[in-house]
N, C-alpha and C. Protein backbone atom coordinates (compact mmCIF):
# COMPACT_ATOMS: atom_id res chain seq x y z
N UNK A 1 26.93 55.86 50.34
CA UNK A 1 27.46 55.43 51.48
C UNK A 1 26.12 54.15 52.18
N UNK A 2 25.11 54.47 52.49
CA UNK A 2 24.19 53.86 52.24
C UNK A 2 24.24 52.50 51.57
N UNK A 3 24.20 52.46 50.48
CA UNK A 3 23.73 51.74 49.33
C UNK A 3 24.81 50.97 49.11
N UNK A 4 27.06 51.39 49.27
CA UNK A 4 27.95 50.44 49.11
C UNK A 4 27.22 49.53 50.87
N UNK A 5 26.86 49.52 51.99
CA UNK A 5 26.58 48.94 52.80
C UNK A 5 25.74 48.22 52.10
N UNK A 6 24.90 48.02 51.84
CA UNK A 6 23.56 47.29 51.59
C UNK A 6 24.35 46.72 50.71
N UNK A 7 24.90 46.69 49.39
CA UNK A 7 25.75 45.68 48.65
C UNK A 7 26.38 44.96 49.56
N UNK A 8 27.47 45.60 50.43
CA UNK A 8 28.13 44.41 50.91
C UNK A 8 27.36 43.30 51.91
N UNK A 9 26.27 43.74 51.62
CA UNK A 9 25.57 42.86 53.03
C UNK A 9 24.83 42.13 52.41
N UNK A 10 23.96 42.19 51.18
CA UNK A 10 23.61 41.59 50.19
C UNK A 10 24.97 40.25 49.42
N UNK A 11 25.57 40.96 49.31
CA UNK A 11 26.25 39.92 48.88
C UNK A 11 27.33 38.92 49.79
N UNK A 12 27.23 39.08 51.12
CA UNK A 12 27.75 38.13 52.31
C UNK A 12 26.44 37.21 52.43
N UNK A 13 25.32 37.82 52.74
CA UNK A 13 24.28 37.11 52.16
C UNK A 13 24.47 35.88 51.43
N UNK A 14 24.74 36.10 50.00
CA UNK A 14 25.02 35.54 49.50
C UNK A 14 25.55 34.10 49.60
N UNK A 15 26.92 34.59 50.05
CA UNK A 15 27.74 33.92 50.13
C UNK A 15 27.47 32.91 51.14
N UNK A 16 26.77 33.19 52.17
CA UNK A 16 26.73 32.09 53.05
C UNK A 16 25.61 31.35 53.00
N UNK A 17 24.26 32.09 52.08
CA UNK A 17 23.73 30.65 51.48
C UNK A 17 23.72 29.99 50.85
N UNK A 18 25.18 30.32 49.54
CA UNK A 18 26.28 28.98 48.84
C UNK A 18 27.06 27.55 49.94
N UNK A 19 26.67 28.87 50.50
CA UNK A 19 27.81 27.83 51.56
C UNK A 19 26.63 26.61 52.68
N UNK A 20 25.75 27.39 52.97
CA UNK A 20 25.06 26.33 53.72
C UNK A 20 24.78 25.33 52.61
N UNK A 21 24.54 25.65 51.23
CA UNK A 21 24.27 24.82 50.28
C UNK A 21 24.98 23.37 50.90
N UNK A 22 26.10 23.86 50.02
CA UNK A 22 27.59 22.91 50.14
C UNK A 22 28.14 22.28 51.28
N UNK A 23 27.70 22.68 52.70
CA UNK A 23 27.91 22.31 53.65
C UNK A 23 26.47 20.84 53.60
N UNK A 24 25.23 21.13 53.52
CA UNK A 24 24.33 20.53 53.77
C UNK A 24 23.87 19.57 52.50
N UNK A 25 24.38 19.73 51.26
CA UNK A 25 25.04 18.51 50.20
C UNK A 25 25.85 17.44 50.73
N UNK A 26 27.51 18.57 51.47
CA UNK A 26 27.96 17.11 51.52
C UNK A 26 27.18 16.27 53.19
N UNK A 27 27.14 16.94 53.72
CA UNK A 27 26.50 16.16 54.45
C UNK A 27 25.82 14.92 54.35
N UNK A 28 24.55 14.91 53.23
CA UNK A 28 23.71 14.37 52.59
C UNK A 28 24.90 13.26 51.40
N UNK A 29 26.17 13.41 51.92
CA UNK A 29 27.20 12.30 50.80
C UNK A 29 26.68 12.64 48.94
N UNK A 30 26.18 14.29 48.52
CA UNK A 30 26.74 14.36 47.55
C UNK A 30 27.27 15.51 47.53
N UNK A 31 27.89 15.21 46.27
CA UNK A 31 27.97 16.71 45.09
C UNK A 31 27.11 17.52 44.29
N UNK A 32 27.02 18.67 44.83
CA UNK A 32 26.20 19.50 44.78
C UNK A 32 25.55 19.57 43.07
N UNK A 33 26.98 18.80 42.10
CA UNK A 33 25.99 18.49 40.83
C UNK A 33 25.55 17.39 40.67
N UNK A 34 25.92 16.81 41.86
CA UNK A 34 24.57 15.22 41.93
C UNK A 34 23.34 15.65 42.23
N UNK A 35 23.36 16.27 43.84
CA UNK A 35 21.78 16.45 43.74
C UNK A 35 21.03 17.40 43.20
N UNK A 36 21.09 17.95 41.81
CA UNK A 36 19.80 17.83 41.66
C UNK A 36 19.50 16.87 40.10
N UNK A 37 20.21 16.05 39.94
CA UNK A 37 20.44 14.83 39.51
C UNK A 37 19.22 13.92 39.91
N UNK A 38 19.52 13.53 41.00
CA UNK A 38 18.56 12.42 42.03
C UNK A 38 17.06 13.62 42.33
N UNK A 39 16.81 14.40 42.25
CA UNK A 39 16.09 15.02 42.73
C UNK A 39 15.01 14.82 40.80
N UNK A 40 16.02 14.70 39.69
CA UNK A 40 15.17 14.69 38.99
C UNK A 40 15.07 13.17 38.31
N UNK A 41 15.69 12.36 39.33
CA UNK A 41 15.81 11.07 38.78
C UNK A 41 14.55 10.16 40.24
N UNK A 42 14.24 11.26 40.66
CA UNK A 42 12.95 10.75 41.55
C UNK A 42 11.82 11.23 41.10
N UNK A 43 11.92 12.64 41.03
CA UNK A 43 11.04 13.14 39.34
C UNK A 43 10.56 12.11 38.19
N UNK A 44 11.69 11.43 37.34
CA UNK A 44 11.59 10.61 36.53
C UNK A 44 10.65 9.39 36.75
N UNK A 45 11.29 8.87 38.19
CA UNK A 45 10.35 7.87 38.68
C UNK A 45 9.08 7.82 38.96
N UNK A 46 8.34 8.99 39.63
CA UNK A 46 7.18 8.93 39.63
C UNK A 46 6.50 8.79 38.35
N UNK A 47 6.80 9.51 37.33
CA UNK A 47 6.51 10.27 35.68
C UNK A 47 6.35 8.53 35.24
N UNK A 48 7.87 7.82 35.43
CA UNK A 48 7.25 6.11 35.06
C UNK A 48 6.18 5.04 35.32
N UNK A 49 5.91 4.96 37.05
CA UNK A 49 5.17 4.50 37.59
C UNK A 49 4.02 5.28 37.14
N UNK A 50 3.52 6.29 36.55
CA UNK A 50 2.62 7.02 36.05
C UNK A 50 2.08 6.37 34.82
N UNK A 51 3.34 5.65 34.06
CA UNK A 51 2.52 5.67 33.00
C UNK A 51 2.31 4.40 32.90
N UNK A 52 3.15 3.64 33.55
CA UNK A 52 3.03 1.87 33.60
C UNK A 52 1.73 1.40 34.29
N UNK A 53 0.99 2.94 34.68
CA UNK A 53 -0.51 2.25 34.96
C UNK A 53 -0.90 2.61 34.40
N UNK A 54 -0.93 3.90 33.46
CA UNK A 54 -1.89 3.95 31.88
C UNK A 54 -1.25 3.01 31.00
N UNK A 55 -0.12 2.30 31.03
CA UNK A 55 0.04 1.45 30.30
C UNK A 55 -0.93 0.63 30.61
N UNK A 56 -0.67 -0.10 31.66
CA UNK A 56 -1.24 -1.61 31.78
C UNK A 56 -2.73 -1.48 32.06
N UNK A 57 -3.44 0.17 31.56
CA UNK A 57 -5.07 0.09 31.96
C UNK A 57 -5.09 -0.29 30.20
N UNK A 58 -4.13 0.27 29.65
CA UNK A 58 -4.43 0.22 28.20
C UNK A 58 -4.82 -0.89 27.32
N UNK A 59 -5.64 -1.47 26.57
CA UNK A 59 -5.72 -2.27 25.34
C UNK A 59 -6.02 -2.15 24.31
N UNK A 60 -5.17 -2.59 23.34
CA UNK A 60 -5.59 -2.28 22.12
C UNK A 60 -6.48 -3.72 21.30
N UNK A 61 -7.52 -3.17 20.70
CA UNK A 61 -8.63 -4.81 19.68
C UNK A 61 -8.63 -4.21 18.35
N UNK A 62 -7.42 -5.03 17.31
CA UNK A 62 -7.72 -4.50 16.10
C UNK A 62 -8.36 -5.72 15.22
N UNK A 63 -9.80 -6.25 15.73
CA UNK A 63 -10.65 -6.70 15.58
C UNK A 63 -11.71 -6.14 14.60
N UNK A 64 -12.00 -6.77 14.08
CA UNK A 64 -13.42 -6.15 12.72
C UNK A 64 -12.61 -4.45 11.92
N UNK A 65 -11.15 -4.13 12.08
CA UNK A 65 -10.53 -2.84 11.57
C UNK A 65 -9.59 -3.67 10.33
N UNK A 66 -9.29 -2.30 9.28
CA UNK A 66 -8.50 -2.70 7.93
C UNK A 66 -6.93 -2.82 8.73
N UNK A 67 -6.10 -2.97 7.82
CA UNK A 67 -4.75 -2.74 8.40
C UNK A 67 -4.45 -2.18 7.83
N UNK A 68 -3.77 -0.52 8.23
CA UNK A 68 -3.41 0.43 8.00
C UNK A 68 -2.64 0.74 6.82
N UNK A 69 -1.47 -0.04 7.13
CA UNK A 69 -0.38 0.07 6.10
C UNK A 69 -0.88 -0.77 4.89
N UNK A 70 -1.99 -1.60 4.13
CA UNK A 70 -1.97 -1.95 3.10
C UNK A 70 -2.35 -0.38 2.73
N UNK A 71 -2.70 -0.66 0.87
CA UNK A 71 -3.26 0.22 -0.11
C UNK A 71 -4.60 0.25 0.37
N UNK A 72 -5.39 1.23 0.49
CA UNK A 72 -6.17 1.52 -0.33
C UNK A 72 -7.14 1.73 -1.38
N UNK A 73 -6.38 1.50 -2.71
CA UNK A 73 -7.14 1.19 -3.66
C UNK A 73 -6.65 0.09 -4.67
N UNK A 74 -6.79 -1.00 -4.62
CA UNK A 74 -7.01 -2.23 -4.74
C UNK A 74 -6.71 -2.23 -6.27
N UNK A 75 -6.05 -3.25 -6.81
CA UNK A 75 -6.16 -3.48 -8.11
C UNK A 75 -7.45 -3.46 -9.04
N UNK A 76 -7.31 -2.81 -9.90
CA UNK A 76 -8.55 -2.19 -11.21
C UNK A 76 -9.02 -3.64 -12.09
N UNK A 77 -8.06 -4.27 -12.62
CA UNK A 77 -8.36 -5.13 -13.24
C UNK A 77 -8.81 -6.22 -13.14
N UNK A 78 -8.95 -6.30 -14.35
CA UNK A 78 -10.80 -7.02 -14.19
C UNK A 78 -10.34 -8.54 -13.65
N UNK A 79 -11.56 -9.03 -12.34
CA UNK A 79 -11.09 -10.30 -12.73
C UNK A 79 -12.39 -11.60 -13.02
N UNK A 80 -11.66 -12.84 -13.62
CA UNK A 80 -12.50 -13.46 -13.57
C UNK A 80 -12.99 -14.12 -12.69
N UNK A 81 -14.57 -15.05 -12.95
CA UNK A 81 -15.60 -15.19 -11.57
C UNK A 81 -14.76 -15.74 -11.12
N UNK A 82 -15.65 -16.12 -10.47
CA UNK A 82 -14.78 -17.23 -9.13
C UNK A 82 -15.16 -18.60 -9.26
N UNK A 83 -16.54 -18.72 -9.54
CA UNK A 83 -15.75 -20.29 -10.29
C UNK A 83 -15.66 -20.39 -11.62
N UNK A 84 -14.44 -21.30 -11.28
CA UNK A 84 -12.81 -21.35 -12.81
C UNK A 84 -13.83 -21.82 -14.49
N UNK A 85 -14.44 -21.79 -14.25
CA UNK A 85 -14.02 -21.31 -16.38
C UNK A 85 -13.46 -22.16 -16.88
N UNK A 86 -12.71 -22.86 -17.63
CA UNK A 86 -11.67 -23.35 -17.85
C UNK A 86 -11.51 -22.27 -19.46
N UNK A 87 -10.31 -22.37 -19.94
CA UNK A 87 -10.42 -21.12 -21.59
C UNK A 87 -10.55 -22.01 -22.49
N UNK A 88 -11.16 -21.49 -23.60
CA UNK A 88 -11.23 -20.59 -23.52
C UNK A 88 -12.42 -19.56 -23.03
N UNK A 89 -13.29 -20.21 -22.69
CA UNK A 89 -14.43 -19.16 -21.94
C UNK A 89 -14.64 -18.92 -20.55
N UNK A 90 -13.62 -18.78 -19.57
CA UNK A 90 -13.05 -18.44 -18.78
C UNK A 90 -12.05 -16.97 -18.94
N UNK A 91 -11.51 -17.18 -19.97
CA UNK A 91 -10.74 -15.74 -20.48
C UNK A 91 -10.83 -14.59 -20.83
N UNK A 92 -10.18 -13.75 -19.95
CA UNK A 92 -10.87 -12.07 -20.90
C UNK A 92 -10.03 -12.03 -22.15
N UNK A 93 -10.46 -11.33 -22.83
CA UNK A 93 -9.94 -10.74 -24.21
C UNK A 93 -7.91 -10.58 -24.19
N UNK A 94 -8.18 -9.65 -22.97
CA UNK A 94 -6.39 -9.20 -23.55
C UNK A 94 -5.25 -10.60 -22.21
N UNK A 95 -7.04 -11.51 -21.97
CA UNK A 95 -5.24 -12.65 -21.29
C UNK A 95 -4.40 -13.51 -22.45
N UNK A 96 -6.25 -13.81 -23.07
CA UNK A 96 -5.33 -14.40 -24.46
C UNK A 96 -4.29 -13.92 -25.99
N UNK A 97 -3.43 -14.67 -26.41
CA UNK A 97 -2.63 -14.25 -27.47
C UNK A 97 -2.64 -14.38 -28.55
N UNK A 98 -3.18 -14.09 -29.78
CA UNK A 98 -2.90 -14.45 -30.99
C UNK A 98 -1.47 -14.90 -31.51
N UNK A 99 -1.82 -16.47 -31.35
CA UNK A 99 -0.88 -17.13 -32.07
C UNK A 99 0.00 -17.70 -33.61
N UNK A 100 -1.25 -17.19 -34.03
CA UNK A 100 -0.98 -18.23 -35.99
C UNK A 100 -2.82 -18.12 -36.62
N UNK A 101 -3.02 -18.35 -37.65
CA UNK A 101 -4.45 -18.14 -38.17
C UNK A 101 -4.22 -18.87 -39.71
N UNK A 102 -5.14 -20.29 -39.22
CA UNK A 102 -4.90 -20.95 -40.28
C UNK A 102 -6.23 -20.97 -41.27
N UNK A 103 -6.44 -22.41 -41.99
CA UNK A 103 -7.66 -21.99 -43.49
C UNK A 103 -7.36 -22.73 -43.20
N UNK A 104 -9.45 -23.76 -42.58
CA UNK A 104 -9.71 -25.00 -42.97
C UNK A 104 -9.96 -25.45 -44.39
N UNK A 105 -10.69 -26.75 -44.35
CA UNK A 105 -10.66 -27.32 -45.72
C UNK A 105 -11.90 -26.81 -46.74
N UNK A 106 -13.01 -26.02 -45.94
CA UNK A 106 -13.86 -24.88 -45.93
C UNK A 106 -13.44 -24.17 -46.36
N UNK A 107 -12.07 -24.00 -46.25
CA UNK A 107 -11.74 -22.16 -46.47
C UNK A 107 -12.70 -20.80 -45.52
N UNK A 108 -11.98 -21.67 -44.21
CA UNK A 108 -12.79 -20.77 -42.93
C UNK A 108 -12.36 -20.31 -42.29
N UNK A 109 -11.72 -19.31 -42.17
CA UNK A 109 -9.87 -18.77 -40.73
C UNK A 109 -10.49 -19.25 -39.70
N UNK A 110 -9.44 -19.60 -38.82
CA UNK A 110 -9.39 -20.05 -38.05
C UNK A 110 -7.84 -18.91 -36.81
N UNK A 111 -8.54 -19.01 -35.72
CA UNK A 111 -7.38 -17.82 -34.99
C UNK A 111 -6.96 -19.16 -34.07
N UNK A 112 -5.39 -19.02 -33.98
CA UNK A 112 -4.59 -20.65 -32.65
C UNK A 112 -4.85 -19.15 -31.97
N UNK A 113 -5.21 -19.60 -30.88
CA UNK A 113 -4.73 -18.34 -29.24
C UNK A 113 -4.35 -18.96 -28.29
N UNK A 114 -3.13 -18.34 -27.74
CA UNK A 114 -2.84 -19.23 -26.12
C UNK A 114 -3.56 -18.37 -24.89
N UNK A 115 -3.77 -18.69 -23.92
CA UNK A 115 -4.37 -18.77 -22.96
C UNK A 115 -3.05 -18.48 -22.20
N UNK A 116 -3.85 -18.50 -21.48
CA UNK A 116 -2.58 -17.68 -19.84
C UNK A 116 -2.51 -19.12 -19.13
N UNK A 117 -3.04 -20.42 -19.34
CA UNK A 117 -2.61 -21.68 -18.92
C UNK A 117 -1.68 -22.05 -19.92
N UNK A 118 -0.85 -20.79 -20.58
CA UNK A 118 0.31 -22.15 -21.84
C UNK A 118 -0.78 -22.87 -22.56
N UNK A 119 -1.64 -23.03 -22.65
CA UNK A 119 -2.33 -24.52 -23.87
C UNK A 119 -2.68 -22.84 -24.90
N UNK A 120 -3.02 -23.33 -26.50
CA UNK A 120 -3.27 -23.05 -27.32
C UNK A 120 -4.73 -23.96 -27.53
N UNK A 121 -5.38 -23.22 -28.25
CA UNK A 121 -7.17 -22.95 -28.75
C UNK A 121 -7.21 -22.58 -29.83
N UNK A 122 -8.00 -23.56 -31.15
CA UNK A 122 -8.31 -22.73 -31.88
C UNK A 122 -9.89 -22.03 -31.88
N UNK A 123 -9.69 -21.40 -32.09
CA UNK A 123 -10.94 -20.81 -32.00
C UNK A 123 -11.89 -19.67 -33.52
N UNK A 124 -13.01 -19.71 -34.25
CA UNK A 124 -14.03 -19.25 -34.97
C UNK A 124 -14.33 -18.24 -35.15
N UNK A 125 -15.16 -17.54 -36.00
CA UNK A 125 -16.03 -16.58 -35.32
C UNK A 125 -17.32 -17.18 -34.63
N UNK A 126 -17.30 -16.26 -33.84
CA UNK A 126 -19.26 -16.86 -32.96
C UNK A 126 -18.15 -17.52 -32.22
N UNK A 127 -17.22 -17.71 -31.77
CA UNK A 127 -16.57 -18.08 -30.64
C UNK A 127 -16.21 -17.03 -29.43
N UNK A 128 -16.55 -17.45 -27.70
CA UNK A 128 -17.00 -16.29 -26.76
C UNK A 128 -15.98 -16.61 -26.22
N UNK A 129 -15.71 -16.10 -25.59
CA UNK A 129 -14.75 -15.13 -23.90
C UNK A 129 -15.25 -14.50 -22.68
N UNK A 130 -14.81 -14.72 -22.00
CA UNK A 130 -15.44 -14.48 -20.65
C UNK A 130 -15.87 -12.58 -21.17
N UNK A 131 -15.02 -12.04 -21.81
CA UNK A 131 -15.60 -11.12 -21.79
C UNK A 131 -15.92 -10.15 -23.43
N UNK A 132 -16.25 -11.32 -23.85
CA UNK A 132 -16.42 -10.71 -25.72
C UNK A 132 -16.92 -12.25 -26.00
N UNK A 133 -16.04 -11.79 -27.78
CA UNK A 133 -16.41 -13.31 -28.64
C UNK A 133 -15.48 -12.58 -30.14
N UNK A 134 -15.86 -13.48 -30.99
CA UNK A 134 -15.00 -13.16 -32.28
C UNK A 134 -16.27 -12.68 -33.32
N UNK A 135 -15.47 -11.54 -33.82
CA UNK A 135 -16.93 -11.10 -34.57
C UNK A 135 -15.73 -11.06 -37.09
N UNK A 136 -14.56 -11.45 -36.47
CA UNK A 136 -14.36 -11.80 -37.88
C UNK A 136 -12.81 -11.71 -37.88
N UNK A 137 -12.42 -12.53 -38.21
CA UNK A 137 -10.87 -13.24 -38.50
C UNK A 137 -10.21 -12.91 -39.74
N UNK A 138 -9.17 -12.94 -40.03
CA UNK A 138 -9.13 -12.01 -41.44
C UNK A 138 -7.40 -13.14 -41.80
N UNK A 139 -7.19 -12.47 -42.58
CA UNK A 139 -5.38 -13.75 -42.90
C UNK A 139 -4.38 -12.46 -41.69
N UNK A 140 -4.93 -11.19 -41.57
CA UNK A 140 -3.56 -10.88 -41.10
C UNK A 140 -4.50 -10.59 -39.19
N UNK A 141 -5.10 -10.56 -39.08
CA UNK A 141 -5.82 -10.41 -37.73
C UNK A 141 -7.10 -10.69 -37.40
N UNK A 142 -7.41 -10.63 -36.21
CA UNK A 142 -8.70 -11.15 -35.58
C UNK A 142 -9.45 -9.89 -34.79
N UNK A 143 -11.30 -10.05 -35.05
CA UNK A 143 -11.94 -8.32 -34.87
C UNK A 143 -12.78 -9.48 -34.05
N UNK A 144 -13.20 -9.18 -32.35
CA UNK A 144 -13.08 -9.05 -31.25
C UNK A 144 -13.91 -8.33 -30.51
N UNK A 145 -15.27 -8.61 -30.28
CA UNK A 145 -16.24 -7.97 -29.42
C UNK A 145 -16.22 -7.83 -28.21
N UNK A 146 -15.56 -6.34 -27.70
CA UNK A 146 -15.60 -6.78 -25.68
C UNK A 146 -16.45 -5.95 -25.20
N UNK A 147 -17.14 -6.27 -24.12
CA UNK A 147 -17.77 -5.72 -23.08
C UNK A 147 -17.05 -5.07 -22.50
N UNK A 148 -17.92 -3.32 -21.92
CA UNK A 148 -17.23 -2.42 -21.33
C UNK A 148 -17.71 -2.52 -20.65
N UNK A 149 -16.74 -2.21 -19.01
CA UNK A 149 -17.08 -2.98 -17.72
C UNK A 149 -17.47 -1.00 -17.25
N UNK A 150 -17.20 -0.19 -17.99
CA UNK A 150 -17.79 0.70 -17.05
C UNK A 150 -19.19 1.45 -17.55
N UNK A 151 -19.28 1.75 -15.75
CA UNK A 151 -21.04 2.08 -15.69
C UNK A 151 -21.21 3.73 -16.76
N UNK A 152 -19.70 4.39 -16.61
CA UNK A 152 -20.37 5.91 -16.96
C UNK A 152 -19.91 5.53 -18.61
N UNK A 153 -19.83 4.29 -18.95
CA UNK A 153 -19.74 4.26 -20.12
C UNK A 153 -21.55 4.65 -21.11
N UNK A 154 -21.59 5.18 -22.06
CA UNK A 154 -22.91 4.53 -23.01
C UNK A 154 -22.23 3.66 -24.10
N UNK A 155 -21.27 3.78 -23.98
CA UNK A 155 -21.65 2.50 -25.56
C UNK A 155 -20.93 0.92 -24.98
N UNK A 156 -21.54 -0.10 -24.90
CA UNK A 156 -21.54 -1.47 -23.72
C UNK A 156 -19.96 -3.16 -24.17
N UNK A 157 -20.65 -1.80 -25.35
CA UNK A 157 -19.49 -3.09 -26.53
C UNK A 157 -18.35 -2.17 -27.18
N UNK A 158 -17.19 -2.40 -27.22
CA UNK A 158 -15.92 -1.81 -28.12
C UNK A 158 -15.08 -2.99 -29.04
N UNK A 159 -14.49 -2.24 -29.86
CA UNK A 159 -14.21 -3.69 -31.53
C UNK A 159 -12.80 -3.38 -30.38
N UNK A 160 -11.93 -4.46 -30.34
CA UNK A 160 -10.35 -4.86 -30.31
C UNK A 160 -9.94 -5.68 -31.37
N UNK A 161 -9.17 -5.50 -31.74
CA UNK A 161 -8.23 -5.91 -33.12
C UNK A 161 -6.58 -7.00 -32.34
N UNK A 162 -7.10 -7.63 -33.00
CA UNK A 162 -5.25 -8.47 -32.50
C UNK A 162 -5.13 -9.14 -33.65
N UNK A 163 -3.92 -8.53 -33.65
CA UNK A 163 -3.03 -8.60 -35.25
C UNK A 163 -1.91 -9.36 -34.64
N UNK A 164 -1.80 -10.42 -36.06
CA UNK A 164 -1.10 -11.87 -36.36
C UNK A 164 0.10 -10.97 -36.06
N UNK A 165 1.22 -9.66 -36.75
CA UNK A 165 2.00 -9.29 -36.54
C UNK A 165 2.08 -7.79 -36.38
N UNK A 166 1.69 -7.51 -35.18
CA UNK A 166 1.33 -6.32 -35.20
C UNK A 166 2.33 -4.64 -35.14
N UNK A 167 2.48 -3.92 -35.66
CA UNK A 167 3.73 -3.30 -35.56
C UNK A 167 3.60 -2.06 -34.73
N UNK A 168 4.63 -1.57 -34.22
CA UNK A 168 5.25 -0.95 -32.63
C UNK A 168 3.56 0.03 -32.07
N UNK A 169 2.89 0.50 -33.94
CA UNK A 169 1.98 1.51 -33.26
C UNK A 169 0.25 0.46 -33.24
N UNK A 170 0.02 -0.40 -33.48
CA UNK A 170 -0.43 -1.12 -33.50
C UNK A 170 -0.63 -2.08 -31.79
N UNK A 171 -0.07 -2.22 -31.13
CA UNK A 171 0.31 -2.92 -30.33
C UNK A 171 -0.01 -2.22 -28.98
N UNK A 172 -0.77 -2.69 -28.09
CA UNK A 172 -1.45 -2.06 -26.54
C UNK A 172 -1.28 -2.67 -25.34
């Protein structure tokens, strides 16, 4: 019996408490659903004020720093010297394309190369490129000695063959 009486009293107190909150909210001019929203908006306003104070005191200075959106590894292609030497002495072997081979009046072969500047150059044995030289010219091919730029390689030169009419296996 005492337990039943205690539960009824507790229920009445809860109902009166809720009724008091509703009356209080109506006097303030807000419905019970709006009251928590108003409290939350006041908290949000306080947080926004704090963030504006932080934002106004912070300044990022990017001078001297790299752009984080550029790739770390740049191109590994060989570059020509800063001073532009005209072709063929200023061009890489890989930039030159063999266009033809002719024989002069003294029965020596002359190789005709096309450079990146779209001009043709007549080259003989011993003529130099930026990274090598011509060692021999045959009726079907030109053999070049190219300097190896890799410091881990023991061999400082490699032989490059430019074919006049390369097959699919000879192209690289």
